[in-house]
Amino acid sequence: RRLIEIALDATRAALDDVSLDDLATRPNCPD
């Protein structure tokens, strides 16, 4: 159960709380 709950919570966080836009402006950062 622990692994499943972590996966669910992390997926939700990735959807709602994560932005990589600042890192994407770095030189050499791929599309």
PDB file of all heavy atoms in Angstrom:
ATOM      1  N   ARG A   1       0.823  -1.201   0.000  1.00  0.00           N
ATOM      2  CA  ARG A   1       0.000   0.000   0.000  1.00  0.00           C
ATOM      3  C   ARG A   1       0.864   1.262   0.000  1.00  0.00           C
ATOM      4  O   ARG A   1       0.548   2.253  -0.672  1.00  0.00           O
ATOM      5  CB  ARG A   1      -0.933  -0.002   1.207  1.00  0.00           C
ATOM      6  CG  ARG A   1      -1.891   1.198   1.236  1.00  0.00           C
ATOM      7  CD  ARG A   1      -2.791   1.190   2.453  1.00  0.00           C
ATOM      8  NE  ARG A   1      -3.709   2.312   2.411  1.00  0.00           N
ATOM      9  CZ  ARG A   1      -4.918   2.274   1.844  1.00  0.00           C
ATOM     10  NH1 ARG A   1      -5.345   1.138   1.295  1.00  0.00           N
ATOM     11  NH2 ARG A   1      -5.694   3.342   1.843  1.00  0.00           N
ATOM     12  N   ARG A   2       1.951   1.247   0.775  1.00  0.00           N
ATOM     13  CA  ARG A   2       2.819   2.430   0.840  1.00  0.00           C
ATOM     14  C   ARG A   2       3.301   2.843  -0.539  1.00  0.00           C
ATOM     15  O   ARG A   2       3.287   4.030  -0.892  1.00  0.00           O
ATOM     16  CB  ARG A   2       4.017   2.153   1.748  1.00  0.00           C
ATOM     17  CG  ARG A   2       4.986   3.337   1.834  1.00  0.00           C
ATOM     18  CD  ARG A   2       6.280   2.984   2.521  1.00  0.00           C
ATOM     19  NE  ARG A   2       7.182   4.123   2.588  1.00  0.00           N
ATOM     20  CZ  ARG A   2       8.493   4.052   2.431  1.00  0.00           C
ATOM     21  NH1 ARG A   2       9.077   2.868   2.211  1.00  0.00           N
ATOM     22  NH2 ARG A   2       9.246   5.139   2.490  1.00  0.00           N
ATOM     23  N   LEU A   3       3.743   1.886  -1.339  1.00  0.00           N
ATOM     24  CA  LEU A   3       4.276   2.191  -2.661  1.00  0.00           C
ATOM     25  C   LEU A   3       3.186   2.752  -3.574  1.00  0.00           C
ATOM     26  O   LEU A   3       3.408   3.709  -4.324  1.00  0.00           O
ATOM     27  CB  LEU A   3       4.878   0.923  -3.269  1.00  0.00           C
ATOM     28  CG  LEU A   3       6.025   1.105  -4.276  1.00  0.00           C
ATOM     29  CD1 LEU A   3       7.175   1.878  -3.657  1.00  0.00           C
ATOM     30  CD2 LEU A   3       6.498  -0.251  -4.776  1.00  0.00           C
ATOM     31  N   ILE A   4       1.998   2.173  -3.489  1.00  0.00           N
ATOM     32  CA  ILE A   4       0.884   2.645  -4.320  1.00  0.00           C
ATOM     33  C   ILE A   4       0.474   4.061  -3.924  1.00  0.00           C
ATOM     34  O   ILE A   4       0.241   4.923  -4.784  1.00  0.00           O
ATOM     35  CB  ILE A   4      -0.301   1.673  -4.220  1.00  0.00           C
ATOM     36  CG1 ILE A   4       0.080   0.310  -4.805  1.00  0.00           C
ATOM     37  CG2 ILE A   4      -1.522   2.233  -4.944  1.00  0.00           C
ATOM     38  CD1 ILE A   4      -0.943  -0.772  -4.575  1.00  0.00           C
ATOM     39  N   GLU A   5       0.409   4.324  -2.629  1.00  0.00           N
ATOM     40  CA  GLU A   5       0.016   5.657  -2.176  1.00  0.00           C
ATOM     41  C   GLU A   5       1.052   6.706  -2.569  1.00  0.00           C
ATOM     42  O   GLU A   5       0.705   7.829  -2.955  1.00  0.00           O
ATOM     43  CB  GLU A   5      -0.198   5.658  -0.667  1.00  0.00           C
ATOM     44  CG  GLU A   5      -1.461   4.908  -0.248  1.00  0.00           C
ATOM     45  CD  GLU A   5      -1.721   4.980   1.245  1.00  0.00           C
ATOM     46  OE1 GLU A   5      -0.771   5.318   1.988  1.00  0.00           O
ATOM     47  OE2 GLU A   5      -2.859   4.709   1.672  1.00  0.00           O
ATOM     48  N   ILE A   6       2.328   6.363  -2.467  1.00  0.00           N
ATOM     49  CA  ILE A   6       3.378   7.288  -2.888  1.00  0.00           C
ATOM     50  C   ILE A   6       3.247   7.597  -4.376  1.00  0.00           C
ATOM     51  O   ILE A   6       3.351   8.758  -4.799  1.00  0.00           O
ATOM     52  CB  ILE A   6       4.773   6.704  -2.584  1.00  0.00           C
ATOM     53  CG1 ILE A   6       5.042   6.733  -1.077  1.00  0.00           C
ATOM     54  CG2 ILE A   6       5.870   7.470  -3.323  1.00  0.00           C
ATOM     55  CD1 ILE A   6       6.292   5.998  -0.659  1.00  0.00           C
ATOM     56  N   ALA A   7       2.985   6.566  -5.163  1.00  0.00           N
ATOM     57  CA  ALA A   7       2.836   6.754  -6.607  1.00  0.00           C
ATOM     58  C   ALA A   7       1.650   7.668  -6.917  1.00  0.00           C
ATOM     59  O   ALA A   7       1.745   8.573  -7.764  1.00  0.00           O
ATOM     60  CB  ALA A   7       2.663   5.404  -7.296  1.00  0.00           C
ATOM     61  N   LEU A   8       0.528   7.438  -6.254  1.00  0.00           N
ATOM     62  CA  LEU A   8      -0.659   8.273  -6.476  1.00  0.00           C
ATOM     63  C   LEU A   8      -0.411   9.726  -6.070  1.00  0.00           C
ATOM     64  O   LEU A   8      -0.750  10.660  -6.807  1.00  0.00           O
ATOM     65  CB  LEU A   8      -1.844   7.698  -5.695  1.00  0.00           C
ATOM     66  CG  LEU A   8      -2.399   6.353  -6.178  1.00  0.00           C
ATOM     67  CD1 LEU A   8      -3.417   5.821  -5.175  1.00  0.00           C
ATOM     68  CD2 LEU A   8      -3.042   6.495  -7.551  1.00  0.00           C
ATOM     69  N   ASP A   9       0.203   9.908  -4.905  1.00  0.00           N
ATOM     70  CA  ASP A   9       0.455  11.264  -4.413  1.00  0.00           C
ATOM     71  C   ASP A   9       1.464  11.994  -5.304  1.00  0.00           C
ATOM     72  O   ASP A   9       1.316  13.191  -5.583  1.00  0.00           O
ATOM     73  CB  ASP A   9       0.969  11.225  -2.975  1.00  0.00           C
ATOM     74  CG  ASP A   9      -0.093  10.769  -1.981  1.00  0.00           C
ATOM     75  OD1 ASP A   9      -1.292  10.794  -2.346  1.00  0.00           O
ATOM     76  OD2 ASP A   9       0.275  10.381  -0.856  1.00  0.00           O
ATOM     77  N   ALA A  10       2.493  11.271  -5.755  1.00  0.00           N
ATOM     78  CA  ALA A  10       3.511  11.890  -6.600  1.00  0.00           C
ATOM     79  C   ALA A  10       2.953  12.260  -7.964  1.00  0.00           C
ATOM     80  O   ALA A  10       3.313  13.304  -8.533  1.00  0.00           O
ATOM     81  CB  ALA A  10       4.702  10.946  -6.755  1.00  0.00           C
ATOM     82  N   THR A  11       2.077  11.431  -8.492  1.00  0.00           N
ATOM     83  CA  THR A  11       1.454  11.732  -9.780  1.00  0.00           C
ATOM     84  C   THR A  11       0.579  12.969  -9.671  1.00  0.00           C
ATOM     85  O   THR A  11       0.590  13.843 -10.550  1.00  0.00           O
ATOM     86  CB  THR A  11       0.626  10.534 -10.263  1.00  0.00           C
ATOM     87  OG1 THR A  11       1.474   9.388 -10.384  1.00  0.00           O
ATOM     88  CG2 THR A  11       0.004  10.811 -11.616  1.00  0.00           C
ATOM     89  N   ARG A  12      -0.174  13.072  -8.593  1.00  0.00           N
ATOM     90  CA  ARG A  12      -1.004  14.250  -8.371  1.00  0.00           C
ATOM     91  C   ARG A  12      -0.133  15.498  -8.205  1.00  0.00           C
ATOM     92  O   ARG A  12      -0.443  16.569  -8.733  1.00  0.00           O
ATOM     93  CB  ARG A  12      -1.883  14.042  -7.138  1.00  0.00           C
ATOM     94  CG  ARG A  12      -2.707  15.255  -6.727  1.00  0.00           C
ATOM     95  CD  ARG A  12      -3.673  15.683  -7.805  1.00  0.00           C
ATOM     96  NE  ARG A  12      -4.718  14.686  -8.020  1.00  0.00           N
ATOM     97  CZ  ARG A  12      -5.693  14.827  -8.917  1.00  0.00           C
ATOM     98  NH1 ARG A  12      -5.727  15.916  -9.682  1.00  0.00           N
ATOM     99  NH2 ARG A  12      -6.608  13.879  -9.069  1.00  0.00           N
ATOM    100  N   ALA A  13       0.965  15.374  -7.466  1.00  0.00           N
ATOM    101  CA  ALA A  13       1.866  16.511  -7.287  1.00  0.00           C
ATOM    102  C   ALA A  13       2.483  16.935  -8.615  1.00  0.00           C
ATOM    103  O   ALA A  13       2.622  18.128  -8.897  1.00  0.00           O
ATOM    104  CB  ALA A  13       2.960  16.157  -6.284  1.00  0.00           C
ATOM    105  N   ALA A  14       2.853  15.957  -9.439  1.00  0.00           N
ATOM    106  CA  ALA A  14       3.418  16.272 -10.753  1.00  0.00           C
ATOM    107  C   ALA A  14       2.417  17.024 -11.610  1.00  0.00           C
ATOM    108  O   ALA A  14       2.778  17.933 -12.375  1.00  0.00           O
ATOM    109  CB  ALA A  14       3.850  14.985 -11.453  1.00  0.00           C
ATOM    110  N   LEU A  15       1.156  16.671 -11.469  1.00  0.00           N
ATOM    111  CA  LEU A  15       0.094  17.301 -12.254  1.00  0.00           C
ATOM    112  C   LEU A  15      -0.210  18.720 -11.790  1.00  0.00           C
ATOM    113  O   LEU A  15      -0.399  19.629 -12.609  1.00  0.00           O
ATOM    114  CB  LEU A  15      -1.168  16.442 -12.174  1.00  0.00           C
ATOM    115  CG  LEU A  15      -2.383  16.888 -12.978  1.00  0.00           C
ATOM    116  CD1 LEU A  15      -2.084  16.843 -14.477  1.00  0.00           C
ATOM    117  CD2 LEU A  15      -3.584  16.007 -12.651  1.00  0.00           C
ATOM    118  N   ASP A  16      -0.228  18.919 -10.472  1.00  0.00           N
ATOM    119  CA  ASP A  16      -0.722  20.182  -9.919  1.00  0.00           C
ATOM    120  C   ASP A  16       0.361  21.144  -9.423  1.00  0.00           C
ATOM    121  O   ASP A  16       0.146  22.356  -9.410  1.00  0.00           O
ATOM    122  CB  ASP A  16      -1.669  19.905  -8.749  1.00  0.00           C
ATOM    123  CG  ASP A  16      -2.962  19.232  -9.195  1.00  0.00           C
ATOM    124  OD1 ASP A  16      -3.328  19.380 -10.366  1.00  0.00           O
ATOM    125  OD2 ASP A  16      -3.589  18.556  -8.356  1.00  0.00           O
ATOM    126  N   ASP A  17       1.507  20.611  -9.000  1.00  0.00           N
ATOM    127  CA  ASP A  17       2.440  21.429  -8.235  1.00  0.00           C
ATOM    128  C   ASP A  17       3.840  21.549  -8.837  1.00  0.00           C
ATOM    129  O   ASP A  17       4.726  22.133  -8.207  1.00  0.00           O
ATOM    130  CB  ASP A  17       2.578  20.863  -6.808  1.00  0.00           C
ATOM    131  CG  ASP A  17       1.240  20.742  -6.102  1.00  0.00           C
ATOM    132  OD1 ASP A  17       0.420  21.663  -6.255  1.00  0.00           O
ATOM    133  OD2 ASP A  17       1.018  19.721  -5.417  1.00  0.00           O
ATOM    134  N   VAL A  18       4.045  21.008 -10.016  1.00  0.00           N
ATOM    135  CA  VAL A  18       5.396  20.990 -10.592  1.00  0.00           C
ATOM    136  C   VAL A  18       5.450  21.827 -11.863  1.00  0.00           C
ATOM    137  O   VAL A  18       4.639  21.643 -12.772  1.00  0.00           O
ATOM    138  CB  VAL A  18       5.846  19.547 -10.911  1.00  0.00           C
ATOM    139  CG1 VAL A  18       7.157  19.560 -11.692  1.00  0.00           C
ATOM    140  CG2 VAL A  18       6.006  18.745  -9.627  1.00  0.00           C
ATOM    141  N   SER A  19       6.401  22.730 -11.895  1.00  0.00           N
ATOM    142  CA  SER A  19       6.729  23.462 -13.121  1.00  0.00           C
ATOM    143  C   SER A  19       8.232  23.353 -13.348  1.00  0.00           C
ATOM    144  O   SER A  19       9.030  23.574 -12.422  1.00  0.00           O
ATOM    145  CB  SER A  19       6.322  24.929 -13.022  1.00  0.00           C
ATOM    146  OG  SER A  19       6.791  25.646 -14.156  1.00  0.00           O
ATOM    147  N   LEU A  20       8.604  23.023 -14.563  1.00  0.00           N
ATOM    148  CA  LEU A  20      10.013  22.930 -14.936  1.00  0.00           C
ATOM    149  C   LEU A  20      10.400  24.027 -15.920  1.00  0.00           C
ATOM    150  O   LEU A  20      11.470  23.976 -16.534  1.00  0.00           O
ATOM    151  CB  LEU A  20      10.303  21.558 -15.554  1.00  0.00           C
ATOM    152  CG  LEU A  20       9.978  20.333 -14.693  1.00  0.00           C
ATOM    153  CD1 LEU A  20      10.254  19.057 -15.480  1.00  0.00           C
ATOM    154  CD2 LEU A  20      10.777  20.347 -13.398  1.00  0.00           C
ATOM    155  N   ASP A  21       9.540  25.027 -16.053  1.00  0.00           N
ATOM    156  CA  ASP A  21       9.744  26.044 -17.085  1.00  0.00           C
ATOM    157  C   ASP A  21      11.056  26.795 -16.905  1.00  0.00           C
ATOM    158  O   ASP A  21      11.725  27.143 -17.884  1.00  0.00           O
ATOM    159  CB  ASP A  21       8.576  27.033 -17.087  1.00  0.00           C
ATOM    160  CG  ASP A  21       7.278  26.396 -17.570  1.00  0.00           C
ATOM    161  OD1 ASP A  21       7.340  25.294 -18.145  1.00  0.00           O
ATOM    162  OD2 ASP A  21       6.201  27.002 -17.366  1.00  0.00           O
ATOM    163  N   ASP A  22      11.433  27.079 -15.668  1.00  0.00           N
ATOM    164  CA  ASP A  22      12.681  27.810 -15.438  1.00  0.00           C
ATOM    165  C   ASP A  22      13.893  26.974 -15.833  1.00  0.00           C
ATOM    166  O   ASP A  22      14.847  27.479 -16.433  1.00  0.00           O
ATOM    167  CB  ASP A  22      12.781  28.253 -13.982  1.00  0.00           C
ATOM    168  CG  ASP A  22      12.676  27.093 -13.001  1.00  0.00           C
ATOM    169  OD1 ASP A  22      12.020  26.079 -13.335  1.00  0.00           O
ATOM    170  OD2 ASP A  22      13.244  27.197 -11.893  1.00  0.00           O
ATOM    171  N   LEU A  23      13.857  25.686 -15.514  1.00  0.00           N
ATOM    172  CA  LEU A  23      14.970  24.804 -15.885  1.00  0.00           C
ATOM    173  C   LEU A  23      15.048  24.607 -17.392  1.00  0.00           C
ATOM    174  O   LEU A  23      16.137  24.421 -17.950  1.00  0.00           O
ATOM    175  CB  LEU A  23      14.829  23.451 -15.194  1.00  0.00           C
ATOM    176  CG  LEU A  23      14.849  23.456 -13.658  1.00  0.00           C
ATOM    177  CD1 LEU A  23      14.674  22.037 -13.127  1.00  0.00           C
ATOM    178  CD2 LEU A  23      16.150  24.065 -13.131  1.00  0.00           C
ATOM    179  N   ALA A  24      13.910  24.663 -18.051  1.00  0.00           N
ATOM    180  CA  ALA A  24      13.862  24.428 -19.495  1.00  0.00           C
ATOM    181  C   ALA A  24      14.539  25.534 -20.289  1.00  0.00           C
ATOM    182  O   ALA A  24      14.813  25.359 -21.485  1.00  0.00           O
ATOM    183  CB  ALA A  24      12.416  24.273 -19.957  1.00  0.00           C
ATOM    184  N   THR A  25      14.816  26.679 -19.661  1.00  0.00           N
ATOM    185  CA  THR A  25      15.486  27.783 -20.364  1.00  0.00           C
ATOM    186  C   THR A  25      17.003  27.630 -20.368  1.00  0.00           C
ATOM    187  O   THR A  25      17.700  28.436 -20.989  1.00  0.00           O
ATOM    188  CB  THR A  25      15.123  29.130 -19.709  1.00  0.00           C
ATOM    189  OG1 THR A  25      15.622  29.169 -18.362  1.00  0.00           O
ATOM    190  CG2 THR A  25      13.610  29.334 -19.698  1.00  0.00           C
ATOM    191  N   ARG A  26      17.519  26.627 -19.701  1.00  0.00           N
ATOM    192  CA  ARG A  26      18.965  26.441 -19.658  1.00  0.00           C
ATOM    193  C   ARG A  26      19.520  26.085 -21.046  1.00  0.00           C
ATOM    194  O   ARG A  26      18.858  25.371 -21.814  1.00  0.00           O
ATOM    195  CB  ARG A  26      19.337  25.321 -18.678  1.00  0.00           C
ATOM    196  CG  ARG A  26      19.123  25.676 -17.220  1.00  0.00           C
ATOM    197  CD  ARG A  26      19.640  24.581 -16.319  1.00  0.00           C
ATOM    198  NE  ARG A  26      19.563  24.978 -14.924  1.00  0.00           N
ATOM    199  CZ  ARG A  26      20.528  24.769 -14.027  1.00  0.00           C
ATOM    200  NH1 ARG A  26      21.644  24.143 -14.395  1.00  0.00           N
ATOM    201  NH2 ARG A  26      20.394  25.177 -12.795  1.00  0.00           N
ATOM    202  N   PRO A  27      20.735  26.558 -21.343  1.00  0.00           N
ATOM    203  CA  PRO A  27      21.379  26.131 -22.585  1.00  0.00           C
ATOM    204  C   PRO A  27      21.487  24.607 -22.640  1.00  0.00           C
ATOM    205  O   PRO A  27      21.732  23.953 -21.621  1.00  0.00           O
ATOM    206  CB  PRO A  27      22.767  26.781 -22.499  1.00  0.00           C
ATOM    207  CG  PRO A  27      22.579  27.963 -21.599  1.00  0.00           C
ATOM    208  CD  PRO A  27      21.550  27.532 -20.587  1.00  0.00           C
ATOM    209  N   ASN A  28      21.281  24.058 -23.801  1.00  0.00           N
ATOM    210  CA  ASN A  28      21.358  22.616 -24.072  1.00  0.00           C
ATOM    211  C   ASN A  28      20.143  21.833 -23.586  1.00  0.00           C
ATOM    212  O   ASN A  28      20.074  20.614 -23.804  1.00  0.00           O
ATOM    213  CB  ASN A  28      22.611  21.977 -23.454  1.00  0.00           C
ATOM    214  CG  ASN A  28      23.900  22.500 -24.041  1.00  0.00           C
ATOM    215  OD1 ASN A  28      23.953  22.838 -25.224  1.00  0.00           O
ATOM    216  ND2 ASN A  28      24.933  22.581 -23.227  1.00  0.00           N
ATOM    217  N   CYS A  29      19.200  22.470 -22.908  1.00  0.00           N
ATOM    218  CA  CYS A  29      18.038  21.729 -22.428  1.00  0.00           C
ATOM    219  C   CYS A  29      17.191  21.276 -23.620  1.00  0.00           C
ATOM    220  O   CYS A  29      16.766  22.101 -24.439  1.00  0.00           O
ATOM    221  CB  CYS A  29      17.202  22.578 -21.491  1.00  0.00           C
ATOM    222  SG  CYS A  29      15.917  21.635 -20.635  1.00  0.00           S
ATOM    223  N   PRO A  30      16.918  19.978 -23.746  1.00  0.00           N
ATOM    224  CA  PRO A  30      16.174  19.474 -24.908  1.00  0.00           C
ATOM    225  C   PRO A  30      14.685  19.795 -24.819  1.00  0.00           C
ATOM    226  O   PRO A  30      14.138  20.013 -23.733  1.00  0.00           O
ATOM    227  CB  PRO A  30      16.410  17.963 -24.836  1.00  0.00           C
ATOM    228  CG  PRO A  30      16.643  17.692 -23.383  1.00  0.00           C
ATOM    229  CD  PRO A  30      17.355  18.896 -22.845  1.00  0.00           C
ATOM    230  N   ASP A  31      14.036  19.806 -25.965  1.00  0.00           N
ATOM    231  CA  ASP A  31      12.608  20.126 -26.021  1.00  0.00           C
ATOM    232  C   ASP A  31      11.763  19.129 -25.232  1.00  0.00           C
ATOM    233  O   ASP A  31      10.712  19.494 -24.705  1.00  0.00           O
ATOM    234  CB  ASP A  31      12.132  20.154 -27.478  1.00  0.00           C
ATOM    235  CG  ASP A  31      12.739  21.311 -28.258  1.00  0.00           C
ATOM    236  OD1 ASP A  31      13.198  22.274 -27.624  1.00  0.00           O
ATOM    237  OD2 ASP A  31      12.768  21.235 -29.502  1.00  0.00           O
TER     238      ASP A  31
END
